[in-house]
Structure formats: structure tokens, C-alpha cells
């Protein structure tokens, strides 16, 4: 999963690839984008790397 993050002014902009909808572990939703856990980005805040955990889904 390609995820890009950047800061523009006071906004965090996250861009990620969409995937073919696949059932979640519970089967209640269809996942269309996910980092599959936490992911370190190249963005830093106060000198520390920003970590992102992303899940985007739709209901069945």
C-alpha cells in the first residue's frame, strides 16, 4: 500500500492507493484502503516521525 503524507499549513494531507474492496476480518465491511497496522511516515512533528494507522472501508 503506497501512502504519502505531507503537511500544508495546519492540515495533514494523506494520499493512498485504493484497493479492490475485500472483506474485513469480521466480514461486516469491505476494506478499500489500509496500512494494515501503524506505518512510519517521512513527516516529522517536533522532530519526531509521524505514525499513521489508516483504515478506509464501506459497509456491505
Protein backbone atom coordinates (compact mmCIF):
# COMPACT_ATOMS: atom_id res chain seq x y z
CA UNK A 1 0.00 0.00 0.00
CA UNK A 2 1.51 3.28 -1.10
CA UNK A 3 0.78 6.02 1.45
CA UNK A 4 2.10 9.56 1.26
CA UNK A 5 1.69 12.19 3.96
CA UNK A 6 2.52 15.89 3.99
CA UNK A 7 1.67 18.96 5.99
CA UNK A 8 0.21 22.01 4.27
CA UNK A 9 -0.34 24.85 6.70
CA UNK A 10 -2.32 23.38 9.60
CA UNK A 11 -3.56 20.35 7.60
CA UNK A 12 -2.23 16.83 7.34
CA UNK A 13 -2.75 15.57 3.78
CA UNK A 14 -2.78 11.78 3.37
CA UNK A 15 -2.81 10.17 -0.07
CA UNK A 16 -3.14 6.42 -0.52
CA UNK A 17 -3.90 3.88 -3.22
CA UNK A 18 -7.40 2.41 -3.34
CA UNK A 19 -7.67 -1.36 -3.44
CA UNK A 20 -10.31 -3.70 -4.77
CA UNK A 21 -12.89 -3.97 -1.94
CA UNK A 22 -12.12 -7.04 0.18
CA UNK A 23 -13.99 -8.37 3.21
CA UNK A 24 -12.72 -7.27 6.62
CA UNK A 25 -11.80 -9.81 9.28
CA UNK A 26 -15.30 -9.58 10.78
CA UNK A 27 -16.94 -9.76 7.35
CA UNK A 28 -19.18 -6.77 8.14
CA UNK A 29 -17.36 -4.31 5.88
CA UNK A 30 -15.32 -4.16 2.69
CA UNK A 31 -11.84 -2.63 3.05
CA UNK A 32 -10.85 -0.26 0.23
CA UNK A 33 -7.59 1.09 1.72
CA UNK A 34 -5.50 0.12 4.73
CA UNK A 35 -1.98 0.43 6.10
CA UNK A 36 -2.60 -2.91 7.85
CA UNK A 37 -1.32 -1.52 11.13
CA UNK A 38 0.73 1.53 12.01
CA UNK A 39 3.17 2.98 9.50
CA UNK A 40 6.00 5.48 9.99
CA UNK A 41 5.93 8.39 7.53
CA UNK A 42 8.57 10.84 6.38
CA UNK A 43 6.60 13.67 8.04
CA UNK A 44 8.05 14.93 11.31
CA UNK A 45 6.41 16.93 14.08
CA UNK A 46 8.68 18.42 16.75
CA UNK A 47 11.49 16.35 15.22
CA UNK A 48 9.63 13.06 15.66
CA UNK A 49 8.29 10.88 12.82
CA UNK A 50 4.53 10.86 12.35
CA UNK A 51 2.90 7.42 12.59
CA UNK A 52 -0.32 6.73 10.68
CA UNK A 53 -2.81 3.87 11.07
CA UNK A 54 -5.32 4.05 8.22
CA UNK A 55 -8.44 2.01 7.50
CA UNK A 56 -10.96 3.05 4.86
CA UNK A 57 -13.99 0.86 4.31
CA UNK A 58 -17.56 0.65 3.10
CA UNK A 59 -20.48 -1.27 4.57
CA UNK A 60 -21.65 -4.37 2.74
